[in-house]
N, C-alpha and C. Protein backbone atom coordinates (compact mmCIF):
# COMPACT_ATOMS: atom_id res chain seq x y z
N MET A 1 76.95 0.19 236.14
CA MET A 1 76.52 -0.59 237.17
C MET A 1 77.42 -0.40 238.45
N VAL A 2 78.69 -0.38 238.21
CA VAL A 2 79.80 -0.18 239.25
C VAL A 2 79.73 1.08 239.88
N GLU A 3 79.67 1.89 239.00
CA GLU A 3 79.32 3.34 239.67
C GLU A 3 78.14 3.73 240.57
N SER A 4 77.11 3.09 240.10
CA SER A 4 75.89 3.02 240.74
C SER A 4 76.00 2.33 242.12
N ALA A 5 76.76 1.40 242.15
CA ALA A 5 76.87 0.47 243.38
C ALA A 5 77.76 1.27 244.31
N ARG A 6 78.68 2.03 243.72
CA ARG A 6 79.59 2.58 244.61
C ARG A 6 78.99 3.95 245.12
N ILE A 7 78.20 4.73 244.40
CA ILE A 7 77.20 5.74 245.01
C ILE A 7 76.21 5.17 246.05
N ALA A 8 75.74 4.15 245.86
CA ALA A 8 74.64 3.59 246.67
C ALA A 8 75.06 2.86 247.84
N ARG A 9 76.40 2.37 247.81
CA ARG A 9 77.09 1.80 248.83
C ARG A 9 76.37 0.39 249.17
N GLY A 10 76.07 -0.25 248.18
CA GLY A 10 75.38 -1.56 248.28
C GLY A 10 74.93 -1.97 247.13
N GLU A 11 74.14 -3.14 247.33
CA GLU A 11 73.87 -3.86 245.97
C GLU A 11 72.83 -3.23 245.22
N ILE A 12 72.96 -3.25 244.00
CA ILE A 12 71.98 -2.57 243.17
C ILE A 12 71.40 -3.51 242.15
N TYR A 13 70.34 -3.13 241.37
CA TYR A 13 69.91 -3.99 240.39
C TYR A 13 69.58 -3.23 238.98
N ASN A 14 69.82 -3.76 237.83
CA ASN A 14 69.54 -2.96 236.64
C ASN A 14 68.03 -2.69 236.53
N LEU A 15 67.76 -1.47 236.14
CA LEU A 15 66.39 -1.18 236.14
C LEU A 15 65.44 -2.09 235.18
N SER A 16 66.05 -2.62 234.19
CA SER A 16 65.18 -3.87 233.46
C SER A 16 64.78 -4.95 234.42
N GLN A 17 65.13 -5.07 235.51
CA GLN A 17 64.97 -6.02 236.43
C GLN A 17 63.84 -5.59 237.42
N ALA A 18 63.41 -4.24 237.36
CA ALA A 18 62.65 -3.70 238.33
C ALA A 18 61.09 -4.26 238.03
N ASN A 19 60.52 -4.60 239.20
CA ASN A 19 59.11 -4.92 239.22
C ASN A 19 58.12 -4.04 240.00
N PHE A 20 57.47 -3.39 239.13
CA PHE A 20 56.54 -2.28 239.82
C PHE A 20 55.79 -2.73 241.02
N LYS A 21 55.48 -4.08 240.86
CA LYS A 21 54.43 -4.53 241.81
C LYS A 21 55.16 -4.67 243.24
N LEU A 22 56.41 -4.87 243.19
CA LEU A 22 57.37 -4.72 244.53
C LEU A 22 57.68 -3.48 245.00
N LEU A 23 57.40 -2.26 244.26
CA LEU A 23 57.91 -0.86 244.63
C LEU A 23 56.74 -0.24 245.34
N ASP A 24 56.99 0.27 246.31
CA ASP A 24 55.95 1.36 246.98
C ASP A 24 55.83 2.91 246.25
N GLY A 25 57.08 3.13 245.75
CA GLY A 25 57.17 4.54 245.05
C GLY A 25 58.45 4.32 244.44
N ILE A 26 58.80 5.32 243.70
CA ILE A 26 60.08 5.52 242.96
C ILE A 26 60.45 7.00 242.68
N ILE A 27 61.78 7.35 242.85
CA ILE A 27 62.22 8.47 242.85
C ILE A 27 63.51 8.66 241.76
N PHE A 28 63.11 9.47 240.89
CA PHE A 28 64.39 9.76 239.89
C PHE A 28 65.05 11.02 240.16
N PRO A 29 66.29 10.96 240.62
CA PRO A 29 67.31 12.10 240.76
C PRO A 29 67.71 12.76 239.34
N GLY A 30 67.96 13.98 239.48
CA GLY A 30 68.15 14.89 238.24
C GLY A 30 69.59 14.76 237.83
N GLY A 31 70.02 15.90 237.34
CA GLY A 31 71.39 15.87 236.95
C GLY A 31 71.45 15.50 235.63
N SER A 32 72.82 15.51 235.20
CA SER A 32 73.28 15.01 233.82
C SER A 32 73.04 13.56 233.71
N GLY A 33 73.00 12.73 234.53
CA GLY A 33 72.54 11.32 234.48
C GLY A 33 71.20 11.21 233.83
N ALA A 34 70.10 12.13 234.43
CA ALA A 34 68.90 12.01 234.03
C ALA A 34 68.72 12.83 232.50
N ALA A 35 69.49 13.76 232.26
CA ALA A 35 69.37 14.53 231.17
C ALA A 35 70.01 13.70 229.95
N MET A 36 71.08 12.95 230.26
CA MET A 36 71.98 12.33 229.18
C MET A 36 71.88 10.78 229.29
N ASN A 37 71.54 10.14 230.36
CA ASN A 37 71.56 8.63 230.34
C ASN A 37 70.07 8.13 230.26
N LEU A 38 69.32 8.65 231.09
CA LEU A 38 67.85 8.19 231.27
C LEU A 38 66.99 8.76 229.97
N CYS A 39 67.57 9.59 229.43
CA CYS A 39 66.97 10.15 228.20
C CYS A 39 68.04 11.13 227.59
N ASN A 40 67.80 11.64 226.51
CA ASN A 40 68.70 12.36 225.62
C ASN A 40 68.13 13.76 225.68
N PHE A 41 67.56 14.27 226.74
CA PHE A 41 67.02 15.57 226.76
C PHE A 41 67.94 16.65 226.71
N ALA A 42 69.23 16.58 227.09
CA ALA A 42 70.33 17.43 226.85
C ALA A 42 70.54 17.81 225.56
N ILE A 43 70.38 17.05 224.62
CA ILE A 43 70.67 17.10 223.30
C ILE A 43 69.45 17.42 222.43
N LYS A 44 68.32 16.60 222.58
CA LYS A 44 67.20 16.68 221.67
C LYS A 44 65.89 17.54 222.35
N LYS A 45 66.17 18.02 223.51
CA LYS A 45 65.04 18.79 224.22
C LYS A 45 63.75 17.94 224.06
N GLU A 46 62.55 18.85 223.44
CA GLU A 46 61.17 18.05 223.48
C GLU A 46 61.11 16.97 222.57
N LYS A 47 62.01 16.74 221.72
CA LYS A 47 62.13 15.68 220.80
C LYS A 47 63.04 14.42 221.38
N CYS A 48 63.23 14.61 222.74
CA CYS A 48 63.95 13.50 223.40
C CYS A 48 63.39 12.09 223.37
N GLN A 49 64.17 11.08 223.45
CA GLN A 49 63.73 9.72 223.77
C GLN A 49 64.14 9.30 225.02
N VAL A 50 63.32 8.66 225.70
CA VAL A 50 63.61 8.25 227.17
C VAL A 50 63.98 6.83 227.02
N ASN A 51 64.92 6.19 227.81
CA ASN A 51 65.43 4.90 227.85
C ASN A 51 64.28 3.86 228.21
N LYS A 52 64.17 2.87 227.57
CA LYS A 52 63.00 1.98 227.44
C LYS A 52 62.56 1.53 228.57
N ASP A 53 63.47 1.06 229.57
CA ASP A 53 63.26 0.69 230.88
C ASP A 53 62.82 1.80 231.80
N VAL A 54 63.36 2.91 231.75
CA VAL A 54 62.58 4.01 232.44
C VAL A 54 61.40 4.36 231.94
N LYS A 55 61.31 4.45 230.75
CA LYS A 55 59.64 4.60 230.10
C LYS A 55 58.69 3.57 230.77
N LYS A 56 59.18 2.20 230.81
CA LYS A 56 58.35 1.16 231.08
C LYS A 56 57.89 1.26 232.51
N ILE A 57 58.83 1.71 233.39
CA ILE A 57 58.61 1.67 234.91
C ILE A 57 57.86 3.07 235.26
N ILE A 58 58.01 4.11 234.43
CA ILE A 58 57.09 5.44 234.72
C ILE A 58 55.55 4.83 234.26
N GLN A 59 55.53 4.27 233.22
CA GLN A 59 54.13 3.99 232.67
C GLN A 59 53.51 2.88 233.91
N GLU A 60 54.21 1.98 234.15
CA GLU A 60 53.59 0.92 235.11
C GLU A 60 53.23 1.64 236.40
N MET A 61 54.09 2.34 236.85
CA MET A 61 53.76 3.03 238.25
C MET A 61 52.68 4.08 238.08
N HIS A 62 52.54 4.73 237.04
CA HIS A 62 51.28 5.51 236.74
C HIS A 62 50.21 4.73 236.73
N ILE A 63 50.16 3.66 235.94
CA ILE A 63 48.93 2.82 235.73
C ILE A 63 48.65 2.37 237.13
N ALA A 64 49.27 2.01 237.97
CA ALA A 64 49.27 1.40 239.33
C ALA A 64 48.72 2.27 240.28
N LYS A 65 49.02 3.69 239.83
CA LYS A 65 48.87 4.70 240.73
C LYS A 65 49.57 4.94 241.94
N LYS A 66 51.04 4.52 241.62
CA LYS A 66 51.88 4.65 242.69
C LYS A 66 52.76 5.75 242.65
N PRO A 67 53.19 6.40 243.78
CA PRO A 67 53.86 7.90 243.68
C PRO A 67 55.23 7.71 242.93
N GLN A 68 55.32 8.88 242.22
CA GLN A 68 56.73 9.00 241.59
C GLN A 68 57.33 10.30 241.92
N GLY A 69 58.45 10.40 242.32
CA GLY A 69 59.22 11.54 242.68
C GLY A 69 60.15 11.86 241.32
N PHE A 70 60.32 13.29 241.00
CA PHE A 70 61.40 13.75 239.87
C PHE A 70 61.90 14.85 240.53
N ILE A 71 63.12 14.90 240.63
CA ILE A 71 64.05 15.91 241.02
C ILE A 71 64.89 16.53 240.02
N CYS A 72 65.03 17.85 240.10
CA CYS A 72 66.09 18.62 239.22
C CYS A 72 65.58 18.81 237.87
N ILE A 73 66.18 18.14 236.81
CA ILE A 73 65.78 18.10 235.57
C ILE A 73 64.86 16.90 235.29
N ALA A 74 64.97 15.95 236.13
CA ALA A 74 64.04 14.67 236.04
C ALA A 74 62.60 14.82 235.78
N PRO A 75 61.95 15.97 235.96
CA PRO A 75 60.56 16.04 235.68
C PRO A 75 60.35 16.06 234.02
N VAL A 76 61.32 16.31 233.25
CA VAL A 76 61.31 16.15 231.86
C VAL A 76 60.83 14.67 231.39
N LEU A 77 61.31 13.64 232.37
CA LEU A 77 60.88 12.29 232.14
C LEU A 77 59.55 12.11 232.12
N ALA A 78 58.84 12.71 233.25
CA ALA A 78 57.46 12.54 233.43
C ALA A 78 56.59 13.47 232.37
N ALA A 79 57.13 14.57 231.96
CA ALA A 79 56.45 15.30 230.98
C ALA A 79 56.36 14.45 229.64
N LYS A 80 57.53 13.90 229.32
CA LYS A 80 57.78 13.43 228.09
C LYS A 80 56.64 11.80 227.82
N ILE A 81 56.92 11.06 229.18
CA ILE A 81 56.16 9.79 229.11
C ILE A 81 54.61 10.13 229.48
N LEU A 82 54.54 10.97 230.33
CA LEU A 82 53.07 11.04 231.03
C LEU A 82 52.17 12.49 230.34
N GLY A 83 52.79 13.05 229.31
CA GLY A 83 52.21 14.25 228.89
C GLY A 83 50.83 14.31 228.48
N LEU A 84 50.39 13.16 228.24
CA LEU A 84 48.89 13.03 227.78
C LEU A 84 48.00 13.12 229.00
N PHE A 85 48.49 12.96 230.07
CA PHE A 85 47.88 12.98 231.32
C PHE A 85 48.12 14.39 232.06
N HIS A 86 48.64 15.18 231.36
CA HIS A 86 49.09 16.72 231.81
C HIS A 86 49.48 16.87 233.20
N PRO A 87 50.55 16.23 233.52
CA PRO A 87 50.88 16.22 235.03
C PRO A 87 51.36 17.57 235.37
N ARG A 88 51.20 18.02 236.66
CA ARG A 88 51.59 19.23 237.16
C ARG A 88 53.21 19.03 237.70
N LEU A 89 54.07 19.78 237.10
CA LEU A 89 55.60 19.46 237.45
C LEU A 89 56.12 21.05 237.81
N THR A 90 57.37 20.60 238.22
CA THR A 90 58.07 21.85 238.48
C THR A 90 59.65 21.70 237.99
N ILE A 91 60.27 22.54 237.74
CA ILE A 91 61.83 22.41 237.54
C ILE A 91 62.32 23.95 238.11
N GLY A 92 61.61 24.48 238.90
CA GLY A 92 61.75 25.87 239.39
C GLY A 92 61.01 26.92 238.65
N ASN A 93 61.88 27.80 238.05
CA ASN A 93 61.20 28.88 237.25
C ASN A 93 62.11 29.25 236.04
N GLN A 94 63.09 28.29 235.63
CA GLN A 94 63.86 28.48 234.42
C GLN A 94 62.87 28.42 233.21
N GLU A 95 62.53 29.44 232.53
CA GLU A 95 61.77 29.75 231.45
C GLU A 95 61.91 28.76 230.28
N SER A 96 63.12 28.59 229.67
CA SER A 96 63.34 27.82 228.60
C SER A 96 62.84 26.46 228.80
N THR A 97 63.35 25.76 229.93
CA THR A 97 62.98 24.20 230.20
C THR A 97 61.40 24.33 230.50
N SER A 98 60.84 25.10 231.10
CA SER A 98 59.49 25.11 231.60
C SER A 98 58.71 25.22 230.29
N ILE A 99 59.03 25.94 229.44
CA ILE A 99 58.38 26.10 227.90
C ILE A 99 58.34 24.67 227.33
N ILE A 100 59.57 24.04 227.31
CA ILE A 100 59.68 22.67 226.59
C ILE A 100 58.62 21.62 227.39
N ILE A 101 58.67 21.74 228.88
CA ILE A 101 57.84 20.75 229.45
C ILE A 101 56.43 20.99 229.10
N GLU A 102 55.91 22.23 228.94
CA GLU A 102 54.64 22.63 228.54
C GLU A 102 54.31 22.18 227.14
N LYS A 103 55.33 22.03 226.32
CA LYS A 103 55.06 21.58 224.80
C LYS A 103 55.04 20.12 224.86
N MET A 104 55.46 19.43 225.79
CA MET A 104 55.37 17.95 225.92
C MET A 104 53.90 17.71 226.65
N GLY A 105 53.17 18.48 227.04
CA GLY A 105 51.89 18.23 227.52
C GLY A 105 51.72 18.30 229.06
N ALA A 106 52.70 18.76 229.74
CA ALA A 106 52.68 18.82 231.22
C ALA A 106 52.31 20.34 231.46
N HIS A 107 51.91 20.68 232.82
CA HIS A 107 51.65 21.95 233.13
C HIS A 107 52.87 22.28 234.13
N HIS A 108 53.50 23.22 233.76
CA HIS A 108 54.66 23.61 234.71
C HIS A 108 54.27 24.65 235.75
N ILE A 109 54.52 24.37 237.07
CA ILE A 109 54.35 25.30 237.97
C ILE A 109 55.65 25.95 238.53
N ASN A 110 55.79 27.26 238.58
CA ASN A 110 56.98 27.89 239.10
C ASN A 110 56.93 27.72 240.44
N THR A 111 58.31 27.41 241.11
CA THR A 111 58.60 27.31 242.60
C THR A 111 59.88 27.93 242.78
N ASN A 112 60.14 27.81 243.99
CA ASN A 112 61.39 28.16 244.81
C ASN A 112 61.99 26.86 244.90
N VAL A 113 63.26 26.85 245.17
CA VAL A 113 64.29 25.84 245.45
C VAL A 113 63.67 24.90 246.54
N ASP A 114 63.28 25.40 247.44
CA ASP A 114 62.76 24.68 248.76
C ASP A 114 61.40 24.16 248.72
N GLU A 115 60.64 24.33 247.56
CA GLU A 115 59.21 23.87 247.33
C GLU A 115 58.97 22.66 246.39
N ILE A 116 58.02 22.04 246.65
CA ILE A 116 57.51 20.89 245.79
C ILE A 116 56.40 21.15 245.16
N VAL A 117 55.90 20.44 244.20
CA VAL A 117 54.79 20.42 243.50
C VAL A 117 54.11 18.85 243.58
N TYR A 118 53.04 18.88 244.23
CA TYR A 118 52.29 17.43 244.15
C TYR A 118 51.10 17.47 243.42
N ASP A 119 51.18 16.53 242.37
CA ASP A 119 50.10 16.34 241.42
C ASP A 119 49.38 15.21 241.95
N SER A 120 48.11 15.35 242.82
CA SER A 120 47.57 14.22 243.28
C SER A 120 46.71 13.52 242.27
N ASP A 121 46.46 13.93 241.19
CA ASP A 121 45.61 13.31 239.93
C ASP A 121 46.52 12.24 239.51
N ASN A 122 47.87 12.58 239.37
CA ASN A 122 48.99 11.76 238.90
C ASN A 122 49.91 11.12 239.75
N ASN A 123 49.70 11.50 240.92
CA ASN A 123 50.50 10.88 242.09
C ASN A 123 51.92 11.20 241.80
N ILE A 124 52.17 12.44 241.47
CA ILE A 124 53.71 12.76 241.08
C ILE A 124 54.12 13.95 242.15
N VAL A 125 55.29 13.94 242.33
CA VAL A 125 55.95 14.97 243.19
C VAL A 125 57.17 15.42 242.51
N SER A 126 57.43 16.74 242.48
CA SER A 126 58.64 17.25 241.64
C SER A 126 59.30 18.30 242.64
N THR A 127 60.51 18.44 242.49
CA THR A 127 61.23 19.83 242.98
C THR A 127 62.27 20.18 241.92
N ALA A 128 62.62 21.53 242.26
CA ALA A 128 63.62 22.00 241.43
C ALA A 128 65.10 21.76 241.75
N ALA A 129 65.35 21.49 242.80
CA ALA A 129 66.73 21.23 243.42
C ALA A 129 67.80 22.03 242.61
N TYR A 130 68.79 21.56 241.88
CA TYR A 130 69.88 22.29 241.29
C TYR A 130 69.63 22.99 240.13
N MET A 131 68.13 22.78 239.48
CA MET A 131 67.79 23.78 238.59
C MET A 131 67.88 25.35 239.03
N LEU A 132 67.87 25.31 240.32
CA LEU A 132 67.79 26.56 240.89
C LEU A 132 68.72 26.85 242.13
N GLY A 133 68.88 25.71 242.76
CA GLY A 133 69.85 25.72 244.11
C GLY A 133 71.03 26.26 244.19
N PRO A 134 70.99 27.38 244.97
CA PRO A 134 72.34 28.04 245.15
C PRO A 134 73.35 27.39 246.16
N THR A 135 72.71 26.50 247.04
CA THR A 135 73.36 25.93 248.09
C THR A 135 72.72 24.52 248.49
N ILE A 136 73.52 23.71 248.83
CA ILE A 136 72.96 22.27 249.14
C ILE A 136 72.00 22.39 250.29
N SER A 137 72.12 23.23 251.38
CA SER A 137 71.11 23.31 252.23
C SER A 137 69.75 23.82 251.65
N ARG A 138 69.66 24.47 250.79
CA ARG A 138 68.37 25.04 250.20
C ARG A 138 67.74 23.87 249.41
N VAL A 139 68.81 23.19 248.57
CA VAL A 139 68.22 22.00 247.62
C VAL A 139 67.96 21.00 248.50
N ALA A 140 68.52 20.67 249.52
CA ALA A 140 68.17 19.55 250.57
C ALA A 140 66.64 19.71 251.05
N ILE A 141 66.19 21.00 251.29
CA ILE A 141 64.96 21.12 251.90
C ILE A 141 63.81 20.69 250.88
N GLY A 142 63.87 21.08 249.72
CA GLY A 142 62.97 20.62 248.64
C GLY A 142 63.32 19.15 248.42
N ILE A 143 64.24 18.56 248.30
CA ILE A 143 64.40 17.14 248.21
C ILE A 143 63.92 16.34 249.31
N GLU A 144 64.17 16.75 250.49
CA GLU A 144 63.62 16.20 251.62
C GLU A 144 61.96 16.15 251.86
N LYS A 145 61.38 17.40 251.24
CA LYS A 145 59.98 17.46 251.19
C LYS A 145 59.44 16.51 250.35
N LEU A 146 60.15 16.32 249.06
CA LEU A 146 59.82 15.33 248.03
C LEU A 146 59.70 13.97 248.55
N VAL A 147 60.88 13.60 249.16
CA VAL A 147 60.88 12.15 249.77
C VAL A 147 59.80 11.96 250.82
N GLN A 148 59.64 12.95 251.81
CA GLN A 148 58.41 12.81 252.78
C GLN A 148 57.16 12.80 252.28
N LYS A 149 56.84 13.31 251.05
CA LYS A 149 55.58 13.28 250.45
C LYS A 149 55.38 11.82 249.76
N ILE A 150 56.31 11.30 249.34
CA ILE A 150 56.35 10.15 248.42
C ILE A 150 56.16 9.15 249.61
N VAL A 151 56.59 9.07 250.50
CA VAL A 151 56.58 8.18 251.94
C VAL A 151 55.01 8.54 252.21
N GLU A 152 54.60 9.51 252.38
CA GLU A 152 53.30 9.96 253.12
C GLU A 152 52.18 9.28 252.11
N VAL A 153 52.40 9.40 250.85
CA VAL A 153 51.40 8.74 249.69
C VAL A 153 51.38 7.46 249.20
N SER A 154 52.60 6.74 249.78
CA SER A 154 52.76 5.25 249.31
C SER A 154 52.23 4.35 250.28
C-alpha cells in the first residue's frame, strides 16, 4: 500500500474496499505486478489463480457492463476470469502467451504495440504495451487509446 501510494502520489484504497457501483470503469496495468501479485500467471500460466479481490471486481464490473481496460500482460486476468464469455483480447503477437489466453477461453487478436482491441460485447479494451513495446513513445500510443476508449464508453 505504501508503494502504491508513492506511485499514485495520493490517497489510495485497498481493492477489497472497491465498490463497483461507484466506478465508471477500471483499468488494470500490466507488468510483473499483474503477473505475480494480481495473479500467479508468471508461475502457473493457464492454471493460475487470480487474487480474490481482483476476481470479484472484474466479475462485478462485467455483470454491470462497465468498461474494463487491460494493459500489457493484464489481459490474462480477463481471460482467466471471463473466459466463459470468450472476450476478445490482445497481448500483441507473442505466440506462447496468446495460446495460453486462448486455452482460458478468450479469443486473442494479434496487434501492434500502438493498437487496441475493443470487445463491445464484453466492454473490454486491451493493448499490448510492453509485451511488444520497443519504446515508451510507442507504448504510450496504445495506452492512451485504451484510456480514451474507456472514457468514451463509460
